């Protein structure tokens, strides 16, 4: 029987997304003798949960209803009393309010991670949301952020003490996401033929990712470059609530014949190797895992100047950083790569090198393990002096 300390990961919904993908990667890669894991979804989970390959990881869905839903707090309290975890690790604003339930259930270590913001509050200026965050801070042992920009914001705006906060950057599997071999032509993406210049993005089709601006920028690019109109293509990969609206927008813009919106896919590494340039038009981001995957795949990245994007994308070296919600600026940057394949290749190679040096998956997992170990050692020694969490 495995008596390693249990971590309960509390998340709004387990579905296709950057935060969710990296959560699954960490669970799969952590030594099972160090920690056990369970995932509690406030709402529910999809087939994406099958990506969890580590044995013994239990999944729970609380079926939270819209609004305050006090019943969900009670349901979580009962579940935590049953599971008796050493750690509750909640993610983002959607789960931050459940720390009191964890405290009342006797969970010794409570952690909240800031991995990004909602489209409704991309700059973190919503007073109601920030008041909730401030009220919850005393219930947490650590409130970390996954970008330096958001870490500074938590300290300055929310008032999280320095010794109660830290930076935990995302990582990427540079073995799974590989660039094309030197001289290798991109594999044609369905329904595109060979020889196309393919601009692509990967992420849930929701307002915060602003794929609508990318479609507008793509239409502008085709107007500017009539000589390349026959080979310019756009791939927007990912499912979500805005997928029908994006398909309608492409039709209205007259570019539907050159835009591929396949929904969710399981072959992202292969798709990235079929792209020419990666675009990240988000209006809010933490450390963007999708951009790191693209860089590991040897692609230049054009991203919005929000959150942790400027920390990841070295402007003019591994890609370009442009203002958010600005299709003109986005089209300008994409045009440089469409017209200069050598520049795209050089920036893509620099991006791959940057990921290998700064954003390895091993470093990410080690960072989270260090946080868990240090907090368990401190908190559980108080409760169980004869044995620490990491023994």
Protein backbone atom coordinates (compact mmCIF):
# COMPACT_ATOMS: atom_id res chain seq x y z
CA UNK A 1 0.00 0.00 0.00
CA UNK A 2 1.34 3.41 -0.98
CA UNK A 3 1.29 5.69 2.07
CA UNK A 4 2.93 8.65 0.35
CA UNK A 5 1.27 12.01 1.13
CA UNK A 6 -1.75 12.77 -1.04
CA UNK A 7 -2.08 15.96 -3.09
CA UNK A 8 -5.57 17.01 -4.12
CA UNK A 9 -5.47 19.20 -7.22
CA UNK A 10 -8.56 21.41 -7.22
CA UNK A 11 -9.43 22.70 -10.68
CA UNK A 12 -12.53 24.20 -12.28
CA UNK A 13 -12.73 21.68 -15.13
CA UNK A 14 -10.31 19.10 -16.53
CA UNK A 15 -10.42 19.65 -20.27
CA UNK A 16 -8.14 20.58 -23.15
CA UNK A 17 -6.00 23.58 -22.17
CA UNK A 18 -2.50 24.71 -21.30
CA UNK A 19 -2.90 24.72 -17.52
CA UNK A 20 -4.59 21.33 -17.62
CA UNK A 21 -1.97 19.81 -19.91
CA UNK A 22 0.89 20.86 -17.64
CA UNK A 23 -0.98 19.64 -14.56
CA UNK A 24 -1.27 16.22 -16.17
CA UNK A 25 2.41 16.27 -17.16
CA UNK A 26 3.47 17.00 -13.58
CA UNK A 27 1.29 14.25 -12.17
CA UNK A 28 2.61 11.72 -14.69
CA UNK A 29 6.24 12.66 -14.10
CA UNK A 30 6.39 12.89 -10.30
CA UNK A 31 7.80 9.96 -8.38
CA UNK A 32 4.83 8.00 -7.05
CA UNK A 33 6.79 7.12 -3.93
CA UNK A 34 7.05 10.83 -3.07
CA UNK A 35 3.42 11.89 -3.54
CA UNK A 36 0.07 10.46 -4.56
CA UNK A 37 -2.42 12.54 -6.53
CA UNK A 38 -6.15 13.06 -6.91
CA UNK A 39 -7.90 15.59 -9.16
CA UNK A 40 -11.09 17.24 -7.96
CA UNK A 41 -13.01 19.15 -10.63
CA UNK A 42 -15.47 21.75 -9.42
CA UNK A 43 -17.63 21.12 -12.48
CA UNK A 44 -16.55 18.03 -14.42
CA UNK A 45 -14.00 16.47 -16.76
CA UNK A 46 -13.84 15.21 -20.33
CA UNK A 47 -11.95 12.49 -22.22
CA UNK A 48 -8.88 14.68 -21.74
CA UNK A 49 -8.57 12.99 -18.33
CA UNK A 50 -7.32 9.87 -20.13
CA UNK A 51 -3.99 11.67 -20.54
CA UNK A 52 -3.31 10.92 -16.88
CA UNK A 53 -1.27 7.72 -17.19
CA UNK A 54 0.03 7.41 -13.63
CA UNK A 55 -1.77 4.54 -11.86
CA UNK A 56 -4.00 5.27 -8.90
CA UNK A 57 -4.94 8.89 -9.67
CA UNK A 58 -8.60 9.30 -8.66
CA UNK A 59 -10.90 11.78 -10.40
CA UNK A 60 -13.85 13.50 -8.76
CA UNK A 61 -16.46 15.87 -10.17
CA UNK A 62 -18.47 18.10 -7.81
CA UNK A 63 -20.92 19.24 -10.51
CA UNK A 64 -20.85 22.84 -9.32
CA UNK A 65 -23.76 25.00 -10.48
CA UNK A 66 -23.32 28.62 -11.61
CA UNK A 67 -23.06 31.21 -8.86
CA UNK A 68 -21.96 30.94 -5.24
CA UNK A 69 -23.07 27.29 -4.86
CA UNK A 70 -22.51 26.84 -1.13
CA UNK A 71 -23.36 23.17 -1.61
CA UNK A 72 -20.08 22.78 -3.52
CA UNK A 73 -18.11 24.03 -0.49
CA UNK A 74 -19.88 21.47 1.67
CA UNK A 75 -19.33 18.69 -0.86
CA UNK A 76 -15.62 19.50 -1.05
CA UNK A 77 -15.35 19.56 2.76
CA UNK A 78 -16.92 16.09 2.97
CA UNK A 79 -14.64 14.73 0.23
CA UNK A 80 -11.50 16.13 1.85
CA UNK A 81 -12.50 14.68 5.21
CA UNK A 82 -12.71 11.30 3.46
CA UNK A 83 -9.48 11.58 1.42
CA UNK A 84 -7.35 13.17 4.19
CA UNK A 85 -4.82 14.79 1.83
CA UNK A 86 -1.61 16.43 3.02
CA UNK A 87 -1.98 19.17 0.39
CA UNK A 88 -4.79 20.93 -1.42
CA UNK A 89 -3.43 22.66 -4.52
CA UNK A 90 -6.03 24.96 -6.09
CA UNK A 91 -5.65 26.64 -9.47
CA UNK A 92 -6.56 30.18 -10.49
CA UNK A 93 -9.39 32.41 -9.32
CA UNK A 94 -12.07 29.82 -10.05
CA UNK A 95 -10.85 27.61 -7.18
CA UNK A 96 -9.28 30.14 -4.81
CA UNK A 97 -12.34 30.47 -2.54
CA UNK A 98 -12.23 26.85 -1.36
CA UNK A 99 -9.26 27.22 1.01
CA UNK A 100 -11.53 27.69 4.08
CA UNK A 101 -13.25 24.37 3.32
CA UNK A 102 -9.82 22.72 3.12
CA UNK A 103 -8.78 24.29 6.43
CA UNK A 104 -11.98 23.16 8.15
CA UNK A 105 -11.42 19.66 6.74
CA UNK A 106 -8.04 19.55 8.46
CA UNK A 107 -5.80 19.78 5.37
CA UNK A 108 -2.43 20.99 6.68
CA UNK A 109 -0.96 22.50 3.47
CA UNK A 110 -2.93 24.77 1.12
CA UNK A 111 -1.51 26.22 -2.11
CA UNK A 112 -3.02 28.41 -4.81
CA UNK A 113 -1.45 28.89 -8.24
CA UNK A 114 -2.02 31.84 -10.57
CA UNK A 115 -1.65 30.51 -14.11
CA UNK A 116 -3.50 33.23 -15.99
CA UNK A 117 -6.54 35.49 -15.95
CA UNK A 118 -9.98 35.40 -17.51
CA UNK A 119 -10.94 37.35 -20.61
CA UNK A 120 -13.33 39.38 -18.47
CA UNK A 121 -10.42 40.71 -16.40
CA UNK A 122 -7.20 40.44 -18.42
CA UNK A 123 -5.33 43.09 -16.42
CA UNK A 124 -6.41 41.91 -12.96
CA UNK A 125 -8.29 45.12 -12.14
CA UNK A 126 -11.65 43.64 -11.12
CA UNK A 127 -12.18 44.91 -7.55
CA UNK A 128 -14.56 42.13 -6.56
CA UNK A 129 -12.19 39.43 -7.76
CA UNK A 130 -9.21 41.06 -6.08
CA UNK A 131 -11.08 41.44 -2.79
CA UNK A 132 -11.81 37.72 -2.88
CA UNK A 133 -8.14 36.99 -3.51
CA UNK A 134 -7.10 39.20 -0.58
CA UNK A 135 -9.62 37.54 1.73
CA UNK A 136 -8.26 34.11 0.81
CA UNK A 137 -4.55 34.86 1.24
CA UNK A 138 -4.51 34.10 5.01
CA UNK A 139 -5.91 30.63 4.32
CA UNK A 140 -3.02 29.68 2.02
CA UNK A 141 0.55 28.71 2.83
CA UNK A 142 1.76 29.75 -0.62
CA UNK A 143 0.29 31.76 -3.50
CA UNK A 144 2.64 31.27 -6.44
CA UNK A 145 2.53 32.61 -10.00
CA UNK A 146 3.86 31.12 -13.21
CA UNK A 147 5.24 34.36 -14.63
CA UNK A 148 7.32 37.17 -13.13
CA UNK A 149 4.71 39.68 -14.27
CA UNK A 150 1.95 37.95 -12.31
CA UNK A 151 4.19 37.34 -9.30
CA UNK A 152 4.87 41.07 -9.03
CA UNK A 153 1.14 41.73 -9.39
CA UNK A 154 0.20 39.34 -6.58
CA UNK A 155 2.64 41.09 -4.25
CA UNK A 156 1.76 44.66 -5.24
CA UNK A 157 -2.00 44.42 -5.79
CA UNK A 158 -3.13 41.47 -3.69
CA UNK A 159 -0.58 41.98 -0.93
CA UNK A 160 0.89 38.48 -0.85
CA UNK A 161 4.02 38.53 1.31
CA UNK A 162 7.34 37.73 -0.35
CA UNK A 163 7.89 34.72 1.90
CA UNK A 164 4.45 33.39 0.96
CA UNK A 165 4.88 33.69 -2.81
CA UNK A 166 7.25 32.40 -5.44
CA UNK A 167 7.72 31.99 -9.19
CA UNK A 168 7.11 28.56 -10.69
CA UNK A 169 7.63 28.75 -14.44
CA UNK A 170 6.07 26.32 -16.87
CA UNK A 171 8.16 23.68 -18.57
CA UNK A 172 7.98 21.82 -21.84
CA UNK A 173 8.91 18.36 -23.05
CA UNK A 174 11.60 19.21 -25.59
CA UNK A 175 11.85 15.54 -26.57
CA UNK A 176 8.18 15.26 -27.50
CA UNK A 177 8.13 18.61 -29.30
CA UNK A 178 10.91 18.46 -31.87
CA UNK A 179 11.72 20.69 -34.86
CA UNK A 180 11.90 19.40 -38.39
CA UNK A 181 15.28 18.08 -39.45
CA UNK A 182 17.55 20.46 -41.35
CA UNK A 183 16.30 20.81 -44.90
CA UNK A 184 13.10 18.87 -44.17
CA UNK A 185 10.00 20.41 -45.72
CA UNK A 186 6.92 20.84 -43.51
CA UNK A 187 4.52 17.93 -43.72
CA UNK A 188 1.34 19.17 -45.42
CA UNK A 189 -1.50 19.73 -42.99
CA UNK A 190 -4.96 18.56 -44.01
CA UNK A 191 -6.62 20.09 -45.91
CA UNK A 192 -3.59 22.06 -47.14
CA UNK A 193 -1.26 20.93 -49.88
CA UNK A 194 2.55 21.09 -49.99
CA UNK A 195 4.40 24.38 -50.26
CA UNK A 196 2.01 26.40 -48.08
CA UNK A 197 2.99 29.11 -45.62
CA UNK A 198 0.97 28.04 -42.59
CA UNK A 199 0.32 30.37 -39.68
CA UNK A 200 -1.01 28.42 -36.71
CA UNK A 201 -2.18 28.59 -33.13
CA UNK A 202 -3.19 25.97 -30.57
CA UNK A 203 -5.51 26.60 -27.64
CA UNK A 204 -9.09 26.54 -26.45
CA UNK A 205 -11.36 28.70 -28.57
CA UNK A 206 -12.41 31.12 -25.88
CA UNK A 207 -12.39 34.90 -25.56
CA UNK A 208 -9.13 35.13 -23.61
CA UNK A 209 -7.22 33.52 -26.51
CA UNK A 210 -8.65 36.07 -29.01
CA UNK A 211 -8.38 33.89 -32.11
CA UNK A 212 -10.83 36.35 -33.70
CA UNK A 213 -8.04 38.94 -33.98
CA UNK A 214 -5.86 36.31 -35.65
CA UNK A 215 -8.49 35.67 -38.33
CA UNK A 216 -8.76 39.42 -38.95
CA UNK A 217 -4.97 39.70 -39.17
CA UNK A 218 -4.84 36.77 -41.59
CA UNK A 219 -7.42 38.38 -43.86
CA UNK A 220 -5.36 41.59 -43.82
CA UNK A 221 -2.23 39.64 -44.68
CA UNK A 222 -3.85 38.02 -47.71
CA UNK A 223 -4.90 41.46 -48.95
CA UNK A 224 -1.39 42.86 -48.51
CA UNK A 225 0.39 39.97 -50.19
CA UNK A 226 -1.60 39.04 -53.30
CA UNK A 227 1.47 37.24 -54.69
CA UNK A 228 1.33 34.83 -51.71
CA UNK A 229 -2.43 34.55 -51.49
CA UNK A 230 -2.41 31.09 -53.06
CA UNK A 231 -0.10 29.63 -50.39
CA UNK A 232 -1.01 31.54 -47.22
CA UNK A 233 -2.97 29.33 -44.82
CA UNK A 234 -4.21 29.56 -41.22
CA UNK A 235 -4.68 26.70 -38.71
CA UNK A 236 -6.58 27.31 -35.46
CA UNK A 237 -6.46 24.09 -33.45
CA UNK A 238 -8.56 23.60 -30.34
CA UNK A 239 -12.11 23.15 -29.17
CA UNK A 240 -14.20 25.52 -27.11
CA UNK A 241 -17.31 27.67 -26.97
CA UNK A 242 -16.24 30.09 -29.73
CA UNK A 243 -15.45 27.50 -32.40
CA UNK A 244 -18.72 28.03 -34.35
CA UNK A 245 -18.32 31.82 -34.17
CA UNK A 246 -14.75 31.60 -35.49
CA UNK A 247 -15.86 29.43 -38.40
CA UNK A 248 -18.58 31.98 -39.19
CA UNK A 249 -16.06 34.82 -38.99
CA UNK A 250 -13.76 33.08 -41.48
CA UNK A 251 -16.71 32.68 -43.86
CA UNK A 252 -17.69 36.33 -43.53
CA UNK A 253 -14.10 37.47 -44.08
CA UNK A 254 -13.88 35.41 -47.27
CA UNK A 255 -10.97 33.29 -46.04
CA UNK A 256 -12.77 30.07 -45.06
CA UNK A 257 -11.12 28.20 -47.95
CA UNK A 258 -7.71 28.95 -46.40
CA UNK A 259 -8.56 28.45 -42.71
CA UNK A 260 -8.55 25.09 -40.92
CA UNK A 261 -10.49 24.85 -37.63
CA UNK A 262 -10.47 21.12 -36.78
CA UNK A 263 -11.37 21.41 -33.09
CA UNK A 264 -9.41 19.43 -30.50
CA UNK A 265 -6.58 17.21 -31.75
CA UNK A 266 -4.29 14.64 -30.15
CA UNK A 267 -1.41 15.06 -32.62
CA UNK A 268 -0.19 18.53 -31.64
CA UNK A 269 3.56 17.81 -32.03
CA UNK A 270 3.00 16.68 -35.64
CA UNK A 271 0.75 19.67 -36.34
CA UNK A 272 3.37 22.10 -35.04
CA UNK A 273 5.97 20.58 -37.34
CA UNK A 274 3.64 21.43 -40.22
CA UNK A 275 3.49 25.14 -39.35
CA UNK A 276 5.65 28.00 -40.60
CA UNK A 277 5.00 30.44 -37.74
CA UNK A 278 3.05 30.28 -34.47
CA UNK A 279 0.71 33.04 -33.33
CA UNK A 280 -0.48 33.69 -29.77
CA UNK A 281 -3.00 36.57 -29.90
CA UNK A 282 -4.19 36.19 -26.27
CA UNK A 283 -5.38 39.13 -24.22
CA UNK A 284 -4.14 37.49 -20.99
CA UNK A 285 -1.54 34.77 -20.29
CA UNK A 286 0.65 33.41 -17.57
CA UNK A 287 3.67 31.53 -18.88
CA UNK A 288 2.23 30.37 -22.22
CA UNK A 289 2.72 26.64 -22.58
CA UNK A 290 1.51 26.71 -26.19
CA UNK A 291 4.23 29.19 -27.12
CA UNK A 292 6.86 27.04 -25.40
CA UNK A 293 5.69 23.98 -27.35
CA UNK A 294 5.95 25.96 -30.58
CA UNK A 295 9.42 27.21 -29.72
CA UNK A 296 10.55 23.68 -28.83
CA UNK A 297 9.26 22.70 -32.29
CA UNK A 298 11.56 25.26 -33.91
CA UNK A 299 8.89 27.84 -34.76
CA UNK A 300 9.11 31.62 -34.48
CA UNK A 301 6.33 33.00 -32.26
CA UNK A 302 4.31 36.18 -32.64
CA UNK A 303 2.62 36.85 -29.30
CA UNK A 304 0.71 39.56 -27.50
CA UNK A 305 2.47 41.80 -24.99
CA UNK A 306 0.54 40.42 -22.00
CA UNK A 307 1.42 38.51 -18.83
CA UNK A 308 4.42 36.24 -19.20
CA UNK A 309 4.57 36.32 -23.01
CA UNK A 310 7.41 38.91 -23.16
CA UNK A 311 9.37 36.77 -20.69
CA UNK A 312 9.11 33.74 -22.98
CA UNK A 313 9.31 35.31 -26.46
CA UNK A 314 12.52 37.32 -26.90
CA UNK A 315 11.38 40.15 -29.17
CA UNK A 316 13.37 40.21 -32.39
CA UNK A 317 15.29 37.07 -31.41
CA UNK A 318 12.82 34.17 -31.11
CA UNK A 319 9.77 36.02 -32.43
CA UNK A 320 7.91 39.30 -32.10
CA UNK A 321 5.79 40.74 -29.30
CA UNK A 322 2.89 42.95 -30.40
CA UNK A 323 0.09 44.86 -28.63
CA UNK A 324 -2.96 42.74 -27.74
CA UNK A 325 -6.19 43.06 -29.75
CA UNK A 326 -4.31 44.77 -32.59
CA UNK A 327 -4.80 42.84 -35.85
CA UNK A 328 -2.77 45.39 -37.82
CA UNK A 329 0.32 44.90 -35.63
CA UNK A 330 -0.20 41.15 -35.65
CA UNK A 331 -0.38 41.14 -39.46
CA UNK A 332 2.80 43.29 -39.64
CA UNK A 333 4.79 40.74 -37.63
CA UNK A 334 3.40 37.74 -39.50
CA UNK A 335 4.21 39.42 -42.81
CA UNK A 336 7.92 39.52 -41.95
CA UNK A 337 8.01 35.75 -41.65
CA UNK A 338 5.83 35.13 -44.68
CA UNK A 339 8.24 37.14 -46.81
CA UNK A 340 11.49 35.97 -45.21
CA UNK A 341 11.76 32.18 -44.65
CA UNK A 342 15.37 32.53 -43.50
CA UNK A 343 14.33 34.90 -40.72
CA UNK A 344 11.62 32.45 -39.65
CA UNK A 345 14.15 29.61 -39.52
CA UNK A 346 16.68 31.66 -37.53
CA UNK A 347 14.15 32.82 -34.96
CA UNK A 348 12.74 29.31 -34.71
CA UNK A 349 16.18 27.83 -33.98
CA UNK A 350 16.81 30.49 -31.33
CA UNK A 351 13.47 29.66 -29.73
CA UNK A 352 14.33 25.97 -29.51
CA UNK A 353 17.61 26.84 -27.80
CA UNK A 354 15.86 29.16 -25.35
CA UNK A 355 13.39 26.45 -24.30
CA UNK A 356 16.17 23.93 -23.74
CA UNK A 357 18.09 26.38 -21.56
CA UNK A 358 15.28 27.93 -19.50
CA UNK A 359 12.07 25.91 -19.69
CA UNK A 360 12.79 22.22 -19.28
CA UNK A 361 10.11 19.87 -17.99
CA UNK A 362 12.53 18.47 -15.40
CA UNK A 363 13.11 21.94 -13.94
CA UNK A 364 9.36 22.57 -13.70
CA UNK A 365 8.67 19.30 -11.90
CA UNK A 366 11.61 19.89 -9.54
CA UNK A 367 10.26 23.34 -8.69
CA UNK A 368 6.86 21.99 -7.67
CA UNK A 369 8.42 19.13 -5.71
CA UNK A 370 10.57 21.63 -3.81
CA UNK A 371 7.48 23.65 -2.91
CA UNK A 372 5.54 20.59 -1.75
CA UNK A 373 8.50 19.25 0.23
CA UNK A 374 9.27 22.50 2.03
CA UNK A 375 5.68 23.17 3.05
CA UNK A 376 5.01 19.58 4.13
CA UNK A 377 8.22 19.50 6.12
CA UNK A 378 7.27 22.67 7.96
CA UNK A 379 3.56 22.09 8.48
CA UNK A 380 3.49 18.36 9.16
CA UNK A 381 6.37 18.50 11.59
CA UNK A 382 4.16 20.69 13.73
CA UNK A 383 1.45 18.03 13.66
CA UNK A 384 3.56 14.87 13.55
CA UNK A 385 6.97 15.62 15.12
CA UNK A 386 8.28 12.10 14.70
CA UNK A 387 7.90 11.98 10.92
CA UNK A 388 8.08 14.57 8.15
CA UNK A 389 6.10 14.60 4.96
CA UNK A 390 9.10 13.70 2.83
CA UNK A 391 10.51 10.83 4.80
